[in-house]
Protein backbone atom coordinates (compact mmCIF):
# COMPACT_ATOMS: atom_id res chain seq x y z
CA MET A 1 -12.74 -0.06 -22.01
CA ALA A 2 -14.47 -2.78 -24.22
CA SER A 3 -14.90 -6.00 -22.27
CA ILE A 4 -12.58 -8.73 -22.72
CA PRO A 5 -14.07 -12.13 -23.86
CA VAL A 6 -14.16 -14.55 -21.00
CA THR A 7 -13.00 -18.40 -21.97
CA SER A 8 -14.67 -20.07 -19.20
CA ALA A 9 -18.16 -21.32 -19.55
CA ALA A 10 -20.40 -18.37 -17.39
CA ARG A 11 -23.57 -18.80 -17.18
CA GLY A 12 -25.64 -15.99 -18.57
CA THR A 13 -22.45 -13.39 -18.79
CA ASP A 14 -24.11 -12.42 -22.16
CA ARG A 15 -25.64 -9.59 -20.05
CA PHE A 16 -22.01 -8.00 -19.13
CA ASP A 17 -21.62 -7.19 -22.70
CA HIS A 18 -23.18 -3.70 -22.81
CA PRO A 19 -21.95 -2.01 -25.74
CA VAL A 20 -19.90 1.62 -24.27
CA HIS A 21 -20.80 4.66 -25.42
CA PRO A 22 -18.22 6.84 -27.59
CA GLY A 23 -18.59 9.49 -25.02
CA ALA A 24 -17.64 7.33 -22.31
CA LYS A 25 -14.34 6.46 -24.55
CA THR A 26 -13.76 9.84 -24.97
CA GLY A 27 -14.23 10.70 -21.22
CA PHE A 28 -11.82 7.75 -19.80
CA LEU A 29 -9.01 9.11 -22.18
CA VAL A 30 -9.79 12.85 -21.08
CA VAL A 31 -9.73 11.66 -17.28
CA LEU A 32 -6.21 9.48 -18.32
CA ALA A 33 -4.75 12.11 -19.86
CA GLY A 34 -5.61 14.83 -17.45
CA GLY A 35 -4.38 12.88 -14.41
CA ILE A 36 -0.66 12.21 -16.29
CA ALA A 37 -0.91 16.31 -17.42
CA PHE A 38 -1.51 17.14 -13.94
CA ALA A 39 0.98 15.21 -12.37
CA ALA A 40 3.62 16.55 -14.44
CA TRP A 41 2.71 20.05 -13.97
CA GLN A 42 2.97 19.55 -10.29
CA ILE A 43 6.25 17.77 -10.52
CA PHE A 44 7.43 20.81 -12.80
CA SER A 45 6.21 23.33 -10.53
CA GLU A 46 7.20 22.13 -7.08
CA THR A 47 10.79 21.13 -8.38
CA ARG A 48 11.33 24.48 -9.52
CA HIS A 49 9.99 26.23 -6.42
CA ALA A 50 12.45 24.12 -4.28
CA GLY A 51 15.30 25.30 -6.74
CA GLU A 52 16.10 21.87 -8.17
CA PRO A 53 14.53 22.17 -11.68
CA LEU A 54 14.99 18.79 -13.69
CA ALA A 55 16.82 18.27 -16.55
CA LEU A 56 15.01 16.65 -19.73
CA GLY A 57 16.45 13.40 -19.18
CA ALA A 58 15.92 13.20 -15.44
CA PHE A 59 12.19 13.95 -15.65
CA ALA A 60 11.90 11.66 -18.77
CA PHE A 61 13.41 8.74 -16.28
CA LEU A 62 11.06 10.27 -13.52
CA ALA A 63 8.02 10.15 -16.06
CA LEU A 64 9.02 6.58 -17.16
CA ALA A 65 9.23 5.39 -13.16
CA LEU A 66 5.88 7.17 -12.17
CA LEU A 67 3.96 5.45 -15.06
CA ILE A 68 5.00 2.08 -14.21
CA ALA A 69 3.94 2.66 -10.76
CA LEU A 70 0.82 4.18 -11.70
CA ALA A 71 0.14 1.18 -14.00
CA PHE A 72 0.72 -0.97 -10.75
CA GLU A 73 -2.73 0.80 -9.42
CA PHE A 74 -4.16 0.75 -12.46
CA VAL A 75 -3.94 -3.23 -12.76
CA ASN A 76 -4.73 -3.28 -9.15
CA GLY A 77 -8.33 -1.81 -9.87
CA PHE A 78 -9.51 -3.92 -12.48
CA HIS A 79 -8.11 -7.13 -10.75
CA ASP A 80 -9.06 -6.35 -7.01
CA THR A 81 -12.23 -4.17 -7.44
CA ALA A 82 -13.95 -6.45 -9.40
CA ASN A 83 -14.41 -8.63 -5.99
CA ALA A 84 -16.31 -5.16 -5.10
CA VAL A 85 -18.96 -5.23 -7.51
CA ALA A 86 -19.29 -8.87 -8.30
CA THR A 87 -22.40 -9.27 -5.44
CA VAL A 88 -24.10 -6.16 -6.83
CA ILE A 89 -24.16 -7.38 -10.39
CA TYR A 90 -24.89 -11.27 -9.49
CA THR A 91 -27.47 -9.82 -7.28
CA ASN A 92 -29.15 -7.50 -10.22
CA SER A 93 -28.69 -4.56 -8.00
CA LEU A 94 -26.89 -2.55 -10.42
CA THR A 95 -26.25 -3.11 -14.16
CA PRO A 96 -22.27 -3.88 -14.75
CA PRO A 97 -21.68 -0.67 -16.14
CA VAL A 98 -23.25 1.50 -13.22
CA ALA A 99 -21.60 -0.89 -10.80
CA VAL A 100 -17.94 -0.14 -11.96
CA LEU A 101 -18.44 3.76 -12.57
CA TRP A 102 -19.95 3.39 -8.92
CA SER A 103 -17.34 1.33 -7.27
CA GLY A 104 -14.60 3.28 -9.35
CA PHE A 105 -15.55 6.39 -7.58
CA TRP A 106 -15.80 5.43 -4.28
CA ASN A 107 -12.23 3.93 -4.87
CA PHE A 108 -11.32 7.30 -5.81
CA THR A 109 -12.64 8.56 -2.90
CA GLY A 110 -10.81 5.99 -0.54
CA VAL A 111 -7.53 7.13 -1.93
CA ILE A 112 -8.20 10.76 -1.34
CA VAL A 113 -8.97 10.72 2.10
CA SER A 114 -6.51 7.96 3.53
CA SER A 115 -4.02 8.37 6.21
CA GLY A 116 -0.41 7.25 4.38
CA ALA A 117 -0.13 4.98 6.94
CA VAL A 118 -0.29 1.53 5.09
CA ALA A 119 1.95 3.11 2.56
CA TYR A 120 4.92 3.63 4.75
CA SER A 121 4.27 0.12 6.03
CA ILE A 122 5.25 -1.21 2.80
CA VAL A 123 8.04 0.95 2.68
CA THR A 124 9.45 0.05 5.87
CA LEU A 125 10.17 -3.74 4.96
CA LEU A 126 12.66 -2.58 2.15
CA PRO A 127 16.29 -2.63 3.27
CA VAL A 128 17.31 0.23 5.47
CA GLU A 129 20.42 1.27 3.18
CA LEU A 130 18.10 1.32 0.02
CA ILE A 131 15.88 4.10 1.57
CA LEU A 132 18.72 5.94 2.81
CA ASN A 133 20.10 5.92 -1.24
CA VAL A 134 17.27 5.60 -3.07
CA GLY A 135 18.69 7.93 -5.58
CA SER A 136 21.56 5.55 -6.00
CA THR A 137 21.58 2.82 -9.13
CA ALA A 138 20.55 0.37 -6.92
CA GLY A 139 17.92 2.28 -5.44
CA TYR A 140 16.09 2.59 -8.89
CA ALA A 141 17.03 -0.88 -9.76
CA MET A 142 14.91 -1.84 -6.64
CA ILE A 143 12.25 0.20 -7.33
CA PHE A 144 12.03 -0.92 -11.01
CA ALA A 145 12.30 -4.38 -10.36
CA LEU A 146 9.60 -5.05 -7.44
CA LEU A 147 7.07 -2.76 -9.33
CA ILE A 148 7.63 -4.97 -12.53
CA ALA A 149 7.67 -7.99 -10.72
CA ALA A 150 4.08 -7.19 -9.04
CA LEU A 151 2.85 -5.72 -12.32
CA LEU A 152 3.54 -9.09 -14.50
CA TRP A 153 2.23 -11.35 -11.77
CA ASN A 154 -1.27 -9.75 -11.45
CA LEU A 155 -1.78 -9.22 -15.42
CA MET A 156 -0.83 -13.09 -15.71
CA THR A 157 -3.42 -14.18 -12.62
CA TRP A 158 -5.85 -11.57 -14.11
CA TYR A 159 -5.91 -13.15 -17.76
CA VAL A 160 -6.63 -16.72 -16.57
CA GLY A 161 -9.35 -14.98 -14.17
CA ILE A 162 -7.70 -16.06 -10.68
CA PRO A 163 -8.70 -13.80 -7.89
CA ASN A 164 -5.13 -13.02 -6.88
CA SER A 165 -3.99 -10.20 -4.27
CA SER A 166 -1.95 -6.96 -5.31
CA SER A 167 -0.66 -6.86 -1.97
CA HIS A 168 0.59 -10.20 -1.96
CA ALA A 169 2.16 -9.59 -5.32
CA LEU A 170 3.75 -6.08 -4.18
CA ILE A 171 4.85 -7.49 -0.98
CA GLY A 172 6.33 -10.29 -2.19
CA SER A 173 8.29 -8.15 -4.62
CA ILE A 174 9.88 -5.78 -2.03
CA LEU A 175 10.86 -8.88 0.11
CA GLY A 176 12.45 -10.18 -3.00
CA VAL A 177 14.24 -7.23 -3.64
CA GLY A 178 15.41 -7.04 0.14
CA LEU A 179 16.73 -11.04 0.11
CA ALA A 180 18.52 -10.15 -3.35
CA ASN A 181 20.02 -7.27 -1.73
CA GLN A 182 21.28 -9.33 1.27
CA LEU A 183 22.69 -12.19 -0.96
CA LEU A 184 24.95 -9.64 -3.50
CA SER A 185 26.05 -7.31 -0.32
CA SER A 186 28.64 -10.22 0.34
CA GLY A 187 26.82 -10.72 3.70
CA ARG A 188 26.64 -7.45 5.40
CA GLY A 189 23.44 -8.44 6.75
CA GLY A 190 21.06 -6.25 8.81
CA THR A 191 20.37 -2.68 6.99
CA SER A 192 21.16 -4.50 3.49
CA GLY A 193 18.20 -7.21 4.13
CA VAL A 194 14.36 -7.67 4.78
CA ASP A 195 13.51 -6.02 8.12
CA TRP A 196 11.90 -9.32 9.35
CA SER A 197 10.07 -8.02 12.54
CA GLN A 198 8.35 -5.35 10.22
CA ALA A 199 7.72 -8.43 7.53
CA THR A 200 6.23 -10.81 10.55
CA LYS A 201 3.67 -7.90 11.10
CA VAL A 202 3.01 -7.34 7.54
CA LEU A 203 2.64 -11.49 6.68
CA SER A 204 0.51 -12.17 9.54
CA ALA A 205 -2.22 -9.86 8.59
CA LEU A 206 -1.89 -11.20 5.01
CA LEU A 207 -2.28 -14.68 6.33
CA PHE A 208 -4.76 -13.90 9.25
CA SER A 209 -7.48 -11.50 7.38
CA PRO A 210 -8.75 -14.09 4.75
CA LEU A 211 -9.80 -16.46 8.03
CA MET A 212 -11.48 -13.32 9.31
CA GLY A 213 -13.52 -12.93 5.94
CA PHE A 214 -14.41 -16.36 5.85
CA PHE A 215 -15.46 -16.73 9.74
CA GLY A 216 -17.00 -13.44 9.75
CA ALA A 217 -19.34 -13.73 7.01
CA LEU A 218 -19.97 -17.04 7.82
CA LEU A 219 -21.07 -15.78 11.61
CA LEU A 220 -22.81 -12.83 10.04
CA PHE A 221 -24.86 -15.05 7.59
CA PHE A 222 -26.20 -17.05 10.63
CA VAL A 223 -26.78 -13.98 12.32
CA MET A 224 -28.81 -12.37 9.55
CA LYS A 225 -30.71 -15.47 8.96
CA ALA A 226 -31.55 -15.31 12.89
CA LEU A 227 -32.68 -11.45 12.91
CA ILE A 228 -33.79 -10.96 9.85
CA ARG A 229 -36.74 -13.16 8.30
CA ASN A 230 -37.75 -11.93 4.88
CA PRO A 231 -37.07 -14.82 2.80
CA LYS A 232 -36.65 -13.16 -0.23
CA LEU A 233 -32.82 -11.88 1.27
CA TYR A 234 -32.08 -15.71 1.04
CA GLU A 235 -33.32 -16.41 -2.43
CA GLU A 236 -31.30 -16.53 -5.68
CA PRO A 237 -32.08 -13.37 -7.92
CA GLU A 238 -35.23 -14.07 -10.20
CA GLY A 239 -33.70 -13.93 -14.00
CA ASP A 240 -32.57 -10.09 -14.32
CA ALA A 241 -35.31 -8.54 -11.63
CA PRO A 242 -33.42 -6.28 -9.40
CA PRO A 243 -34.10 -7.04 -5.62
CA PRO A 244 -37.07 -5.81 -2.99
CA ARG A 245 -35.87 -1.82 -2.49
CA GLY A 246 -34.38 -2.26 1.00
CA ILE A 247 -32.25 -5.13 -0.03
CA ARG A 248 -31.17 -3.41 -3.06
CA ALA A 249 -29.90 -0.49 -1.07
CA LEU A 250 -28.33 -2.61 1.58
CA LEU A 251 -26.37 -4.38 -1.42
CA ILE A 252 -25.59 -0.91 -2.81
CA PHE A 253 -24.07 0.18 0.59
CA THR A 254 -22.21 -2.94 1.18
CA CYS A 255 -20.40 -2.47 -2.56
CA THR A 256 -19.78 1.41 -1.35
CA ALA A 257 -17.96 0.23 1.59
CA VAL A 258 -15.92 -2.24 0.06
CA SER A 259 -14.95 0.00 -2.68
CA PHE A 260 -14.37 2.90 -0.27
CA ALA A 261 -11.92 0.15 2.16
CA HIS A 262 -10.26 -0.87 -0.84
CA GLY A 263 -9.31 2.68 -2.21
CA GLY A 264 -8.16 3.76 1.32
CA ASN A 265 -5.96 0.42 1.62
CA ASP A 266 -4.62 -0.38 -1.54
CA GLY A 267 -4.14 2.92 -2.97
CA GLN A 268 -1.40 3.37 -0.21
CA LYS A 269 0.75 0.61 -1.95
CA GLY A 270 1.71 2.49 -4.90
CA MET A 271 2.00 6.02 -3.10
CA GLY A 272 4.79 5.04 -0.64
CA LEU A 273 6.81 3.66 -3.76
CA ILE A 274 6.04 6.80 -5.51
CA MET A 275 7.11 8.85 -3.04
CA LEU A 276 10.83 6.75 -2.86
CA ILE A 277 11.00 7.27 -6.69
CA LEU A 278 10.39 11.52 -5.98
CA ILE A 279 12.77 11.24 -3.31
CA GLY A 280 15.49 9.75 -5.25
CA VAL A 281 15.12 11.89 -8.54
CA ALA A 282 14.32 15.06 -6.50
CA PRO A 283 15.28 15.05 -3.16
CA THR A 284 15.10 18.86 -2.28
CA ALA A 285 11.70 18.98 -3.44
CA TYR A 286 10.63 15.77 -1.96
CA ALA A 287 12.88 14.40 0.62
CA LEU A 288 11.39 16.39 3.75
CA ASN A 289 7.89 17.55 4.20
CA ARG A 290 8.19 21.39 3.10
CA THR A 291 4.42 21.83 3.82
CA MET A 292 4.68 21.96 7.44
CA ALA A 293 4.05 25.57 8.62
CA ASP A 294 6.94 27.53 10.07
CA SER A 295 4.92 27.47 13.40
CA ALA A 296 5.70 23.66 13.72
CA THR A 297 9.25 24.51 14.00
CA PRO A 298 9.14 25.73 17.68
CA ALA A 299 7.99 22.48 18.83
CA PHE A 300 10.28 20.69 16.48
CA VAL A 301 12.62 22.20 18.42
CA GLN A 302 11.61 21.70 21.72
CA SER A 303 10.62 17.75 21.12
CA ALA A 304 14.39 17.12 19.87
CA ASN A 305 15.68 18.94 23.05
CA ALA A 306 13.36 16.93 25.50
CA ALA A 307 14.45 13.91 23.53
CA HIS A 308 18.06 14.24 23.90
CA GLY A 309 18.06 14.80 27.54
CA ALA A 310 16.09 11.52 27.77
CA LEU A 311 18.34 10.01 25.71
CA VAL A 312 21.23 11.12 27.65
CA GLN A 313 19.86 9.71 30.78
CA GLN A 314 19.56 6.43 29.04
CA ALA A 315 22.86 6.76 27.63
CA GLY A 316 24.39 7.28 31.07
CA THR A 317 27.02 9.10 30.09
CA ARG A 318 27.32 12.83 29.56
CA THR A 319 29.69 12.59 26.75
CA ILE A 320 28.47 13.48 23.32
CA THR A 321 28.96 10.91 20.30
CA PRO A 322 30.75 13.14 17.31
CA ILE A 323 27.77 13.49 14.80
CA GLY A 324 29.70 11.63 12.19
CA ASP A 325 30.62 8.55 14.36
CA ALA A 326 26.88 8.76 15.46
CA ARG A 327 25.20 7.99 12.37
CA THR A 328 27.40 4.74 11.93
CA VAL A 329 26.63 3.76 15.07
CA LEU A 330 23.10 4.40 14.53
CA ARG A 331 23.53 1.86 11.08
CA ASP A 332 25.04 -1.01 13.11
CA ALA A 333 22.55 -0.57 15.68
CA LEU A 334 19.92 -0.84 13.18
CA GLN A 335 21.53 -3.64 11.80
CA LYS A 336 21.70 -5.72 14.58
CA ARG A 337 17.94 -4.88 15.54
CA ASP A 338 19.09 -3.77 18.96
CA THR A 339 19.20 0.05 19.82
CA ARG A 340 18.94 -0.50 23.73
CA THR A 341 22.75 0.37 24.47
CA PRO A 342 23.94 2.98 25.93
CA ALA A 343 26.09 3.54 22.67
CA ALA A 344 23.04 3.81 20.63
CA TYR A 345 21.23 6.07 23.24
CA GLY A 346 24.29 8.25 22.84
CA ALA A 347 24.11 8.20 19.27
CA MET A 348 20.63 9.56 18.84
CA ALA A 349 21.00 11.91 21.75
CA SER A 350 23.35 13.35 19.25
CA VAL A 351 21.46 13.10 16.25
CA ALA A 352 18.68 14.41 18.07
CA GLN A 353 20.77 17.49 19.26
CA ASP A 354 22.39 18.10 15.66
CA LEU A 355 19.08 18.26 14.28
CA SER A 356 17.65 20.37 16.34
CA LYS A 357 20.21 23.23 16.10
CA ARG A 358 19.86 22.38 12.16
CA VAL A 359 16.37 23.61 12.09
CA SER A 360 16.83 26.11 14.74
CA SER A 361 19.60 27.67 11.99
CA PHE A 362 17.66 26.99 8.76
CA GLY A 363 14.35 28.53 10.90
CA SER A 364 12.22 25.32 9.52
CA ILE A 365 11.92 22.12 7.75
CA ALA A 366 10.79 24.31 4.59
CA ALA A 367 13.84 26.35 4.56
CA VAL A 368 16.24 23.66 4.45
CA PRO A 369 18.81 24.37 1.40
CA ALA A 370 19.00 21.99 -1.52
CA ALA A 371 22.44 20.85 -0.42
CA ALA A 372 21.38 19.98 2.90
CA THR A 373 18.36 18.04 2.22
CA PRO A 374 19.33 14.30 1.72
CA ASN A 375 21.87 14.69 4.70
CA MET A 376 19.37 15.76 7.15
CA ARG A 377 16.60 13.50 5.75
CA ASN A 378 18.90 10.42 6.26
CA ASP A 379 19.55 11.51 9.98
CA MET A 380 15.92 12.03 10.42
CA TYR A 381 15.19 8.60 8.81
CA LEU A 382 17.78 6.81 11.24
CA GLU A 383 17.06 8.65 14.24
CA LEU A 384 13.11 7.96 13.76
CA ASP A 385 13.70 4.25 13.08
CA ALA A 386 16.22 3.78 15.97
CA LEU A 387 13.71 5.60 18.29
CA ARG A 388 10.80 3.45 17.24
CA MET A 389 12.86 0.13 17.93
CA ALA A 390 14.00 1.82 21.15
CA THR A 391 10.51 2.17 22.18
CA LYS A 392 8.94 -0.38 20.70
CA ASP A 393 8.04 -2.88 23.92
CA GLU A 394 6.22 -1.18 26.89
CA GLY A 395 8.47 -1.08 30.00
CA LYS A 396 11.89 -1.40 28.34
CA VAL A 397 12.39 2.33 28.78
CA PRO A 398 10.74 4.16 31.77
CA ALA A 399 7.72 6.30 31.14
CA ALA A 400 9.75 9.44 32.07
CA GLN A 401 12.15 9.08 28.93
CA ALA A 402 10.13 7.17 26.47
CA GLY A 403 7.53 9.94 26.75
CA PRO A 404 9.76 12.49 24.86
CA MET A 405 11.52 9.74 22.77
CA LYS A 406 7.98 8.88 21.12
CA ASP A 407 7.06 12.44 20.57
CA PHE A 408 10.06 13.23 19.19
CA ALA A 409 9.32 10.21 16.73
CA GLY A 410 6.36 11.74 15.54
CA LYS A 411 7.47 14.81 15.34
CA LEU A 412 10.29 13.02 12.89
CA GLU A 413 7.47 11.31 11.31
CA LYS A 414 5.45 14.42 10.33
CA GLY A 415 8.55 15.84 8.53
CA THR A 416 9.51 12.87 6.68
CA ARG A 417 6.89 10.59 5.82
CA TYR A 418 3.77 12.60 3.99
CA ILE A 419 1.87 12.06 0.67
CA PRO A 420 1.39 15.20 -1.11
CA LEU A 421 -2.29 15.67 -2.24
CA TRP A 422 -1.44 15.58 -6.17
CA VAL A 423 0.03 11.90 -5.31
CA LYS A 424 -3.02 11.09 -3.84
CA ILE A 425 -5.08 12.13 -6.65
CA VAL A 426 -3.32 10.82 -9.40
CA VAL A 427 -2.97 7.58 -7.82
CA ALA A 428 -7.32 7.62 -7.24
CA ILE A 429 -7.34 8.49 -10.75
CA ALA A 430 -5.32 5.21 -11.56
CA LEU A 431 -7.17 2.81 -9.25
CA GLY A 432 -10.81 4.26 -10.39
CA LEU A 433 -10.21 4.15 -13.51
CA GLY A 434 -8.72 0.75 -13.62
CA THR A 435 -12.16 -0.47 -11.88
CA MET A 436 -13.82 0.06 -15.34
CA VAL A 437 -11.39 -1.68 -17.03
CA GLY A 438 -11.00 -5.54 -17.39
CA TRP A 439 -13.65 -6.19 -14.18
CA LYS A 440 -15.44 -9.12 -16.12
CA ARG A 441 -12.79 -12.14 -15.68
CA ILE A 442 -12.57 -11.79 -12.14
CA VAL A 443 -16.12 -10.81 -11.78
CA VAL A 444 -17.35 -14.06 -13.23
CA THR A 445 -15.33 -16.13 -11.00
CA VAL A 446 -16.33 -14.56 -7.79
CA GLY A 447 -19.86 -14.33 -8.54
CA GLU A 448 -20.29 -18.02 -10.10
CA GLY A 449 -17.38 -19.83 -9.52
CA ILE A 450 -16.75 -20.29 -5.62
CA GLY A 451 -20.23 -21.53 -4.50
CA LYS A 452 -21.84 -24.34 -6.25
CA LYS A 453 -25.28 -22.83 -6.61
CA HIS A 454 -26.01 -18.37 -7.73
CA LEU A 455 -25.47 -15.91 -5.09
CA THR A 456 -27.84 -15.12 -2.99
CA TYR A 457 -28.61 -11.35 -1.47
CA ALA A 458 -27.76 -12.31 2.17
CA MET A 459 -24.76 -14.24 0.77
CA GLY A 460 -23.18 -11.13 -0.92
CA ALA A 461 -24.17 -9.03 1.84
CA SER A 462 -22.37 -10.81 4.74
CA ALA A 463 -19.26 -11.27 2.54
CA GLU A 464 -18.95 -7.64 1.98
CA LEU A 465 -19.74 -6.20 5.16
CA THR A 466 -17.17 -8.27 6.52
CA ALA A 467 -14.85 -7.61 3.66
CA ALA A 468 -15.18 -3.48 4.42
CA ALA A 469 -15.00 -3.94 8.37
CA THR A 470 -11.98 -5.84 7.91
CA ILE A 471 -10.11 -3.80 5.66
CA LEU A 472 -10.84 -0.58 7.31
CA ALA A 473 -9.61 -2.16 10.71
CA ALA A 474 -6.48 -2.98 8.87
CA GLU A 475 -5.84 0.58 7.41
CA TRP A 476 -6.48 2.21 11.16
CA GLY A 477 -3.57 0.10 11.98
CA GLY A 478 -1.27 0.79 9.08
CA LEU A 479 -1.42 -3.02 7.88
CA PRO A 480 -1.79 -3.74 4.15
CA VAL A 481 -4.35 -6.54 3.69
CA SER A 482 -5.85 -8.38 0.16
CA THR A 483 -8.94 -7.41 -0.60
CA THR A 484 -9.29 -9.83 -3.51
CA HIS A 485 -8.60 -12.62 -0.53
CA ILE A 486 -10.82 -11.26 2.13
CA LEU A 487 -13.96 -10.92 0.01
CA SER A 488 -13.24 -14.59 -1.66
CA SER A 489 -13.07 -15.87 1.51
CA GLY A 490 -16.17 -14.44 2.48
CA ILE A 491 -17.89 -15.41 -0.52
CA ALA A 492 -16.63 -18.77 0.38
CA GLY A 493 -17.58 -18.71 4.29
CA SER A 494 -21.29 -17.72 3.38
CA ALA A 495 -21.75 -20.33 0.79
CA VAL A 496 -20.80 -22.70 3.90
CA ALA A 497 -22.78 -21.41 5.86
CA ASN A 498 -25.97 -21.43 3.26
CA GLY A 499 -25.19 -24.98 2.77
CA GLN A 500 -24.80 -24.89 -0.70
CA GLY A 501 -21.07 -26.07 -0.78
CA LEU A 502 -17.97 -24.93 -2.56
CA GLN A 503 -16.64 -25.66 -6.02
CA GLY A 504 -13.47 -27.33 -5.69
CA GLY A 505 -11.49 -26.41 -8.90
CA THR A 506 -12.21 -22.41 -8.47
CA ILE A 507 -11.01 -22.91 -4.47
CA ALA A 508 -7.85 -24.79 -5.60
CA ARG A 509 -6.74 -22.04 -8.28
CA ILE A 510 -7.26 -19.42 -5.84
CA VAL A 511 -5.21 -21.23 -2.82
CA SER A 512 -2.27 -22.01 -5.46
CA ALA A 513 -2.62 -18.34 -6.40
CA TRP A 514 -2.41 -17.19 -2.65
CA VAL A 515 0.54 -19.85 -2.09
CA LEU A 516 2.19 -19.07 -5.14
CA THR A 517 2.26 -15.35 -4.99
CA LEU A 518 4.88 -14.71 -2.73
CA PRO A 519 7.32 -17.16 -3.57
CA VAL A 520 7.06 -16.30 -7.21
CA ALA A 521 6.68 -12.62 -6.69
CA MET A 522 9.90 -12.77 -4.78
CA LEU A 523 11.67 -15.20 -7.48
CA LEU A 524 10.70 -12.42 -10.18
CA SER A 525 11.80 -9.36 -8.40
CA GLY A 526 15.00 -10.56 -6.97
CA LEU A 527 15.90 -12.12 -10.45
CA LEU A 528 14.93 -8.48 -12.24
CA TYR A 529 16.74 -6.87 -9.20
CA TRP A 530 20.08 -8.80 -10.36
CA LEU A 531 19.75 -8.29 -13.64
CA PHE A 532 19.44 -4.20 -13.62
CA LEU A 533 22.01 -4.15 -11.18
CA THR A 534 24.07 -6.30 -14.05
CA ILE A 535 22.98 -4.44 -16.67
CA THR A 536 24.03 -1.32 -15.61
CA GLY A 537 27.40 -2.58 -14.04
CA THR A 538 26.38 -1.95 -10.34
CA SER A 539 28.89 -4.18 -7.86
CA LEU A 540 27.06 -4.12 -4.12
CA THR A 541 30.18 -5.43 -2.36
């Protein structure tokens, strides 16, 4: 946990160089080893309970994939969370060791209480065919390519002290894999490429959230200046003296809020990918949500039957499409991004009826046998995506039919899109421990490199309050956003409001990273995906 030297000239950063207590290093290693052992035990127990014990080779492969995914979250912790602690460190509200420990704890908490909505917003960017066949060689190549690409870019930008966005890096990597898969699939289109409707939604959030950070912090600073007359709030810290008690409490609260929000949003970005890894290697244990209570089965069957009736009405025919043909029809409809055709409605009706019968015969989703699990999961995934696409725009489907269709989509989501508690815990450990390592480079950039003068109390508070509110709102909407760019933009907005101006060199570097991250991550992941397919001799044609 020793701090890493910063090569750029920094004003007074020698106060960051606190010696690390030997007990802290030991505790760090114990928690790290404990988290890895806990994950291994959970996988061993759950696969054995599901009747799918893993062979040693499969277990080793799974361990490697999970370690890379957790390494991404670890790097995310020391790369992005440094933004949250910069204000309390530069205003002397907390010492660096206390600040990073405090932030790490609240990042951990944010991950644990997160909903999982952001996790699956990330996953749905991937090509449908790779999600349905995640256990294939191409599926594994996809996961390794996008994780390694995002990890490499994060490390490179951290090394030079640029507050880069882990969200941008991961989303760019996903888009790169999707585009590469489409190019290598001989023009099969649709399901082999990126879901651009979902990508547009996600990219819009990444584009507009920094603007909200800049103008939100600028406006909040002016509001604070109009309402709060305490001159100390707008002054630079005096040496190493802590701020007045009330101001200090405010700044610690804003650091806490950003750390909690960061954990809740960024922690989910690795969760969805970890679930894909688990589904690919151990589908019997993880492809379906076996934690659903048996008592939920009657409601699932009733919802499926109600959706079947509504879909038959929309199809305008009583002729049921054979289930084998129905799957093909749904894949074609998703490829064309149009599930509002009589044929698609008929296919959805067939799948809904088949799922109802199978779940009834098994007694519950938890009781689905190993041999039937992958097929049922794929049917549920196809049906869910088709239903969501059909009911996406209000008024396109009559309310009498849209209601049952949406209700069944919700039941399917609970059956397939879930995050086990142990996954949240190990991601929280990785993100929390990452917060405590390597934070110094980014803290110096945020604290000293954006505004032309030292950070004031009001600047830090307005930037962090805006960032926390923006990130929490995005999590509520299931959208991934960048803590880095929101908070950096907030610091810039508060600096402008304070009349101190901006350092052009740093702003140019941050903007350059913001512009370059998507294309560079896309290129890296696309090339790695092609390389892995070539090494394994896998053809997508």
